[in-house]
Amino acid sequence: MDNWFSPRWFGFEVLRSYDWVYPYFLYLIPFIPVLFLLRKVLHRKHKQRLAITYTPQSNTVQWLTLLRFVQPACVGLALCLILMALARPQIISERTDQYSEGIDIMLLLDISDSMTEKDLSPNRLEAAKKVARQFIKGRFQDRIGLIVFAGEAVSLCPLTTDYELLNGFLDEINAKMIPTAGTAIGSALAVAVNRMRETKGESKVAILISDGDNTSGNLGPTTAAQLANAFGVKVYTISVGRIKKAASTDSTLARALIDEGELQNIAGLGNGKYFRATDNTALESVFKQIDQLEKVKSRDVLSRDIKDFYRVYLYWAVTFLLLAIGTKSTFMANILED
């Protein structure tokens, strides 16, 4: 034990910090002076005395008479320290660690021209990016990836736990990143499945945000949804914008409206759920619902670091016992003993 001879081991703060495994040994310490008192009484009864009046001649002699108490004091201190060692002082540090296997989540974001419509503030795309950031901020140990799509799908960020990097990619997203016109929902979903098919996550989730029907790509959304189900990928779909009630002859209005049927079908085949968000508040509510549905199962593990310090007081006890033995047959124990 390093620096066991330091007097700090007897400080009030140090002694107060201990957890005593067998504290009942400490209750015996006050009885040690009683043992010495009984020993003295019994010793006097069996000891012959010579009645001689002794007058000390100097202060030096008075100090020398005090040396007779060194040996019993060492024994008494040694007994106290032995009892402290038997009480086994410890310092216990507890730490709670949270463990989880995490969820693999792919965010599929439509960046086609219709996502610039302003029925959400400031527009559909920026509103979706904002709630995506909030969603990422609330996750714990989940691997999250990002796919953007318009007329074709692009894997912008692979699955990662580096959420700062992920937010950086979100900041860079704009409606002009993919020049090919259209909405390739099926292709985007196929890319997401390909990214997650061999991952080891506890759960695999694809969150698809779009405002239109599948109009391009080389794979239909129905086939992609069936593929997702086969690889254990749960698909949540979110439609953003106003809902189409009837056919419109106004091309601008037709672009602003959406058809729920395609996204509902994908969610059903993908063993997920369909959500509709017609404004910013509804979109935030949708992500909160998904966040609750896909909470990772974590477990808290309590670890305890236990350090024993009984050796410190045992070493001190041995030291005082050696002093007591060393002074037992010297003048320090016998001087002027009556």
Protein backbone atom coordinates (compact mmCIF):
# COMPACT_ATOMS: atom_id res chain seq x y z
CA MET A 1 0.00 0.00 0.00
CA ASP A 2 1.52 3.31 -1.11
CA ASN A 3 2.21 5.82 1.68
CA TRP A 4 0.52 3.69 4.34
CA PHE A 5 2.62 5.50 6.97
CA SER A 6 0.98 8.85 6.20
CA PRO A 7 -1.04 10.32 9.09
CA ARG A 8 -3.80 11.29 6.64
CA TRP A 9 -5.32 7.81 7.09
CA PHE A 10 -6.53 8.97 10.50
CA GLY A 11 -8.15 12.19 9.26
CA PHE A 12 -11.84 12.71 9.90
CA GLU A 13 -12.73 13.05 6.19
CA VAL A 14 -10.94 9.82 5.31
CA LEU A 15 -12.54 7.84 8.13
CA ARG A 16 -15.96 9.24 7.28
CA SER A 17 -15.61 8.18 3.63
CA TYR A 18 -15.28 4.50 4.50
CA ASP A 19 -17.91 1.81 4.25
CA TRP A 20 -17.22 -0.58 7.11
CA VAL A 21 -17.95 -4.20 6.26
CA TYR A 22 -17.92 -5.37 9.91
CA PRO A 23 -18.60 -2.19 11.91
CA TYR A 24 -19.30 -4.07 15.16
CA PHE A 25 -15.53 -4.42 15.69
CA LEU A 26 -15.39 -0.64 16.05
CA TYR A 27 -17.75 -0.84 19.03
CA LEU A 28 -15.05 -2.76 20.92
CA ILE A 29 -12.52 0.09 20.74
CA PRO A 30 -13.92 2.00 23.80
CA PHE A 31 -13.43 -1.15 25.90
CA ILE A 32 -9.66 -1.20 25.37
CA PRO A 33 -8.98 1.40 28.14
CA VAL A 34 -11.21 -0.70 30.41
CA LEU A 35 -8.98 -3.72 29.79
CA PHE A 36 -5.89 -1.74 30.77
CA LEU A 37 -7.65 -0.47 33.89
CA LEU A 38 -8.59 -4.02 34.91
CA ARG A 39 -5.04 -5.17 34.23
CA LYS A 40 -3.68 -2.41 36.44
CA VAL A 41 -6.07 -3.24 39.27
CA LEU A 42 -5.29 -6.95 39.16
CA HIS A 43 -1.56 -6.28 38.77
CA ARG A 44 -1.47 -4.07 41.86
CA LYS A 45 -3.13 -6.72 44.02
CA HIS A 46 -0.38 -9.22 43.34
CA LYS A 47 2.56 -6.83 43.46
CA GLN A 48 4.70 -6.22 46.53
CA ARG A 49 5.32 -2.61 47.40
CA LEU A 50 8.04 -0.80 49.30
CA ALA A 51 6.76 2.31 50.98
CA ILE A 52 9.47 4.84 50.24
CA THR A 53 8.82 8.46 49.70
CA TYR A 54 10.44 9.58 46.50
CA THR A 55 10.95 13.19 45.63
CA PRO A 56 11.95 13.88 42.02
CA GLN A 57 15.09 15.95 41.76
CA SER A 58 14.62 17.53 38.37
CA ASN A 59 12.26 18.05 35.43
CA THR A 60 14.37 15.61 33.42
CA VAL A 61 13.51 12.84 35.85
CA GLN A 62 9.82 13.76 35.59
CA TRP A 63 9.96 13.43 31.81
CA LEU A 64 11.76 10.13 32.14
CA THR A 65 8.97 8.77 34.29
CA LEU A 66 6.54 9.36 31.40
CA LEU A 67 8.51 6.94 29.24
CA ARG A 68 7.05 4.08 31.22
CA PHE A 69 3.74 4.71 29.40
CA VAL A 70 5.23 4.31 25.91
CA GLN A 71 4.99 0.52 25.91
CA PRO A 72 1.34 0.22 27.10
CA ALA A 73 0.33 3.11 24.80
CA CYS A 74 1.81 1.27 21.82
CA VAL A 75 -0.07 -1.88 22.78
CA GLY A 76 -3.33 0.04 23.17
CA LEU A 77 -2.95 1.78 19.81
CA ALA A 78 -2.07 -1.53 18.16
CA LEU A 79 -5.24 -3.12 19.53
CA CYS A 80 -7.34 -0.19 18.26
CA LEU A 81 -5.79 -0.48 14.81
CA ILE A 82 -6.30 -4.24 14.71
CA LEU A 83 -10.00 -3.71 15.43
CA MET A 84 -10.17 -1.09 12.66
CA ALA A 85 -8.54 -3.54 10.25
CA LEU A 86 -11.00 -6.27 11.28
CA ALA A 87 -13.88 -3.84 10.61
CA ARG A 88 -12.54 -3.80 7.02
CA PRO A 89 -12.77 -0.21 5.78
CA GLN A 90 -13.65 0.15 2.09
CA ILE A 91 -14.36 2.85 -0.42
CA ILE A 92 -17.06 1.81 -2.89
CA SER A 93 -17.50 3.66 -6.18
CA GLU A 94 -20.71 2.92 -8.09
CA ARG A 95 -21.29 3.67 -11.75
CA THR A 96 -24.35 3.00 -13.88
CA ASP A 97 -23.69 2.27 -17.55
CA GLN A 98 -26.44 2.08 -20.14
CA TYR A 99 -26.08 -0.57 -22.82
CA SER A 100 -28.14 -1.17 -25.92
CA GLU A 101 -27.71 -2.88 -29.26
CA GLY A 102 -29.19 0.08 -31.09
CA ILE A 103 -31.52 0.39 -34.07
CA ASP A 104 -30.56 0.84 -37.71
CA ILE A 105 -32.57 3.71 -39.21
CA MET A 106 -32.49 4.98 -42.78
CA LEU A 107 -34.09 8.36 -43.49
CA LEU A 108 -35.41 8.57 -47.07
CA LEU A 109 -36.04 12.17 -48.06
CA ASP A 110 -37.81 13.26 -51.22
CA ILE A 111 -36.04 16.31 -52.75
CA SER A 112 -38.06 16.59 -55.96
CA ASP A 113 -39.31 19.98 -57.17
CA SER A 114 -42.69 19.57 -55.47
CA MET A 115 -40.93 19.55 -52.07
CA THR A 116 -40.28 23.28 -52.50
CA GLU A 117 -44.01 24.02 -52.12
CA LYS A 118 -44.74 26.37 -49.21
CA ASP A 119 -47.82 24.79 -47.65
CA LEU A 120 -45.35 23.93 -44.83
CA SER A 121 -43.08 26.66 -43.48
CA PRO A 122 -40.76 27.68 -45.07
CA ASN A 123 -41.34 24.79 -47.50
CA ARG A 124 -41.87 21.04 -47.36
CA LEU A 125 -38.21 20.13 -47.72
CA GLU A 126 -36.88 22.51 -45.06
CA ALA A 127 -39.65 21.49 -42.64
CA ALA A 128 -38.73 17.83 -43.16
CA LYS A 129 -35.03 18.58 -42.59
CA LYS A 130 -35.83 20.43 -39.36
CA VAL A 131 -37.83 17.62 -37.79
CA ALA A 132 -35.23 15.10 -39.02
CA ARG A 133 -32.58 16.96 -37.01
CA GLN A 134 -34.80 16.89 -33.92
CA PHE A 135 -35.39 13.18 -34.42
CA ILE A 136 -31.64 12.48 -34.71
CA LYS A 137 -30.95 14.52 -31.58
CA GLY A 138 -33.29 12.33 -29.53
CA ARG A 139 -31.75 8.97 -30.50
CA PHE A 140 -29.28 7.01 -28.38
CA GLN A 141 -26.66 4.67 -29.86
CA ASP A 142 -28.73 4.18 -33.02
CA ARG A 143 -27.05 4.02 -36.41
CA ILE A 144 -28.75 6.42 -38.79
CA GLY A 145 -28.24 6.83 -42.52
CA LEU A 146 -29.58 9.25 -45.12
CA ILE A 147 -30.91 8.69 -48.65
CA VAL A 148 -32.23 11.44 -50.92
CA PHE A 149 -34.24 10.84 -54.04
CA ALA A 150 -35.95 12.60 -56.89
CA GLY A 151 -35.87 10.96 -60.37
CA GLU A 152 -33.20 8.64 -58.93
CA ALA A 153 -32.02 7.67 -55.46
CA VAL A 154 -28.66 8.56 -53.90
CA SER A 155 -27.23 7.21 -50.64
CA LEU A 156 -25.98 10.45 -49.11
CA CYS A 157 -24.75 9.10 -45.75
CA PRO A 158 -24.25 5.46 -44.69
CA LEU A 159 -25.41 4.17 -41.33
CA THR A 160 -23.46 5.98 -38.64
CA THR A 161 -23.55 7.04 -35.00
CA ASP A 162 -21.73 10.26 -35.88
CA TYR A 163 -24.79 12.49 -35.59
CA GLU A 164 -22.76 15.64 -36.16
CA LEU A 165 -21.70 14.30 -39.55
CA LEU A 166 -25.30 13.37 -40.30
CA ASN A 167 -26.53 16.87 -39.49
CA GLY A 168 -23.83 18.25 -41.78
CA PHE A 169 -25.25 16.22 -44.68
CA LEU A 170 -28.77 17.42 -43.84
CA ASP A 171 -27.58 21.03 -44.05
CA GLU A 172 -26.28 20.43 -47.57
CA ILE A 173 -29.53 18.94 -48.93
CA ASN A 174 -31.38 21.05 -51.49
CA ALA A 175 -33.85 20.43 -54.30
CA LYS A 176 -31.16 20.75 -57.00
CA MET A 177 -28.88 17.95 -55.78
CA ILE A 178 -30.44 15.45 -58.21
CA PRO A 179 -31.11 16.93 -61.66
CA THR A 180 -33.24 13.98 -62.83
CA ALA A 181 -36.92 14.88 -62.50
CA GLY A 182 -39.49 12.57 -60.94
CA THR A 183 -40.02 10.66 -57.69
CA ALA A 184 -38.24 7.30 -57.48
CA ILE A 185 -39.77 5.99 -54.25
CA GLY A 186 -39.22 2.33 -55.15
CA SER A 187 -35.54 2.89 -55.97
CA ALA A 188 -34.96 4.84 -52.75
CA LEU A 189 -36.52 2.07 -50.67
CA ALA A 190 -34.44 -0.56 -52.50
CA VAL A 191 -31.24 1.37 -51.71
CA ALA A 192 -32.25 1.53 -48.03
CA VAL A 193 -32.90 -2.23 -47.91
CA ASN A 194 -29.55 -2.90 -49.57
CA ARG A 195 -27.81 -0.77 -46.92
CA MET A 196 -29.46 -2.60 -44.03
CA ARG A 197 -29.85 -6.19 -45.18
CA GLU A 198 -26.66 -7.42 -43.51
CA THR A 199 -26.56 -5.14 -40.47
CA LYS A 200 -26.70 -6.54 -36.93
CA GLY A 201 -29.04 -3.97 -35.40
CA GLU A 202 -31.77 -5.01 -32.97
CA SER A 203 -34.31 -3.48 -35.35
CA LYS A 204 -34.21 -2.10 -38.90
CA VAL A 205 -36.35 0.87 -39.84
CA ALA A 206 -36.84 2.95 -42.98
CA ILE A 207 -38.59 6.32 -42.66
CA LEU A 208 -39.75 7.57 -46.05
CA ILE A 209 -40.79 11.20 -46.44
CA SER A 210 -42.42 12.17 -49.71
CA ASP A 211 -45.21 14.23 -51.22
CA GLY A 212 -45.96 12.35 -54.42
CA ASP A 213 -46.50 9.10 -56.27
CA ASN A 214 -43.74 6.95 -57.66
CA THR A 215 -43.11 8.38 -61.15
CA SER A 216 -39.63 7.09 -62.02
CA GLY A 217 -36.98 4.55 -61.12
CA ASN A 218 -36.41 1.01 -62.29
CA LEU A 219 -38.12 -0.72 -59.34
CA GLY A 220 -41.74 -0.38 -58.29
CA PRO A 221 -42.57 0.66 -54.72
CA THR A 222 -44.67 -2.47 -54.14
CA THR A 223 -41.76 -4.75 -55.02
CA ALA A 224 -39.39 -2.64 -52.89
CA ALA A 225 -41.78 -2.81 -49.91
CA GLN A 226 -42.02 -6.60 -50.25
CA LEU A 227 -38.23 -6.74 -50.40
CA ALA A 228 -38.02 -4.66 -47.22
CA ASN A 229 -40.38 -7.02 -45.42
CA ALA A 230 -38.33 -10.03 -46.53
CA PHE A 231 -35.17 -8.54 -44.98
CA GLY A 232 -36.90 -7.49 -41.77
CA VAL A 233 -36.92 -3.76 -42.54
CA LYS A 234 -39.95 -1.95 -41.11
CA VAL A 235 -41.15 0.91 -43.32
CA TYR A 236 -42.79 4.07 -42.00
CA THR A 237 -44.12 6.45 -44.65
CA ILE A 238 -44.93 10.13 -44.17
CA SER A 239 -46.82 12.21 -46.70
CA VAL A 240 -46.20 15.95 -46.45
CA GLY A 241 -48.50 18.57 -47.98
CA ARG A 242 -52.18 18.86 -48.82
CA ILE A 243 -54.18 15.78 -49.71
CA LYS A 244 -55.55 15.32 -53.24
CA LYS A 245 -59.35 15.38 -53.22
CA ALA A 246 -60.06 15.39 -56.93
CA ALA A 247 -58.30 15.70 -60.26
CA SER A 248 -57.17 19.23 -60.98
CA THR A 249 -56.54 20.91 -64.31
CA ASP A 250 -54.20 23.43 -62.72
CA SER A 251 -50.69 21.95 -63.12
CA THR A 252 -49.28 24.11 -60.29
CA LEU A 253 -52.04 23.00 -57.91
CA ALA A 254 -51.70 19.37 -59.03
CA ARG A 255 -48.00 19.46 -58.18
CA ALA A 256 -48.79 20.81 -54.71
CA LEU A 257 -51.30 18.07 -53.90
CA ILE A 258 -50.40 14.49 -52.98
CA ASP A 259 -51.94 11.05 -53.27
CA GLU A 260 -51.92 8.98 -50.08
CA GLY A 261 -52.61 5.62 -51.71
CA GLU A 262 -49.05 4.78 -52.76
CA LEU A 263 -47.49 5.58 -49.38
CA GLN A 264 -50.24 3.75 -47.48
CA ASN A 265 -49.64 0.64 -49.57
CA ILE A 266 -45.88 0.76 -48.95
CA ALA A 267 -46.36 1.07 -45.18
CA GLY A 268 -48.79 -1.85 -45.16
CA LEU A 269 -46.49 -4.15 -47.13
CA GLY A 270 -43.48 -2.99 -45.13
CA ASN A 271 -45.04 -3.94 -41.78
CA GLY A 272 -44.90 -0.29 -40.72
CA LYS A 273 -47.31 2.59 -40.43
CA TYR A 274 -48.49 5.47 -42.58
CA PHE A 275 -48.61 9.07 -41.33
CA ARG A 276 -49.94 12.25 -42.84
CA ALA A 277 -48.51 15.71 -42.12
CA THR A 278 -50.32 18.70 -43.58
CA ASP A 279 -48.44 21.32 -41.52
CA ASN A 280 -45.28 21.74 -39.45
CA THR A 281 -46.91 20.81 -36.15
CA ALA A 282 -48.35 17.60 -37.58
CA LEU A 283 -44.97 16.68 -39.07
CA GLU A 284 -43.24 17.15 -35.70
CA SER A 285 -45.95 15.03 -34.06
CA VAL A 286 -45.39 12.24 -36.59
CA PHE A 287 -41.68 12.04 -35.82
CA LYS A 288 -42.41 11.99 -32.09
CA GLN A 289 -44.74 9.04 -32.62
CA ILE A 290 -42.13 7.15 -34.61
CA ASP A 291 -39.53 7.99 -31.96
CA GLN A 292 -41.73 6.35 -29.32
CA LEU A 293 -42.57 3.34 -31.50
CA GLU A 294 -38.91 2.60 -32.19
CA LYS A 295 -37.37 3.20 -28.78
CA VAL A 296 -34.31 1.02 -28.28
CA LYS A 297 -34.42 -1.51 -25.49
CA SER A 298 -31.59 -0.56 -23.18
CA ARG A 299 -30.42 -1.96 -19.89
CA ASP A 300 -28.69 -0.28 -17.00
CA VAL A 301 -25.68 -2.11 -15.60
CA LEU A 302 -24.49 -1.12 -12.15
CA SER A 303 -20.77 -1.59 -11.64
CA ARG A 304 -19.08 -1.29 -8.26
CA ASP A 305 -15.41 -0.58 -7.75
CA ILE A 306 -14.39 -1.68 -4.24
CA LYS A 307 -11.06 -0.74 -2.68
CA ASP A 308 -10.02 -2.23 0.67
CA PHE A 309 -7.89 -0.23 3.11
CA TYR A 310 -7.63 -2.62 6.06
CA ARG A 311 -3.94 -3.26 5.23
CA VAL A 312 -3.09 0.36 6.06
CA TYR A 313 -4.32 -0.01 9.63
CA LEU A 314 -2.87 -3.51 9.92
CA TYR A 315 0.55 -2.18 8.97
CA TRP A 316 0.20 0.57 11.58
CA ALA A 317 -0.84 -2.02 14.18
CA VAL A 318 2.21 -4.17 13.43
CA THR A 319 4.43 -1.09 13.72
CA PHE A 320 3.08 -0.22 17.18
CA LEU A 321 3.34 -3.86 18.30
CA LEU A 322 6.98 -3.94 17.24
CA LEU A 323 7.59 -0.73 19.21
CA ALA A 324 5.86 -2.26 22.24
CA ILE A 325 7.96 -5.43 21.99
CA GLY A 326 11.12 -3.42 21.47
CA THR A 327 10.55 -1.28 24.57
CA LYS A 328 9.22 -4.02 26.85
CA SER A 329 12.57 -4.98 28.38
CA THR A 330 14.18 -1.53 28.28
CA PHE A 331 14.35 1.26 30.80
CA MET A 332 11.35 2.85 29.06
CA ALA A 333 9.12 0.13 30.45
CA ASN A 334 10.80 -0.32 33.86
CA ILE A 335 11.99 3.10 34.87
CA LEU A 336 10.70 4.09 38.28
CA GLU A 337 8.00 1.45 38.09
CA ASP A 338 6.34 1.19 41.47
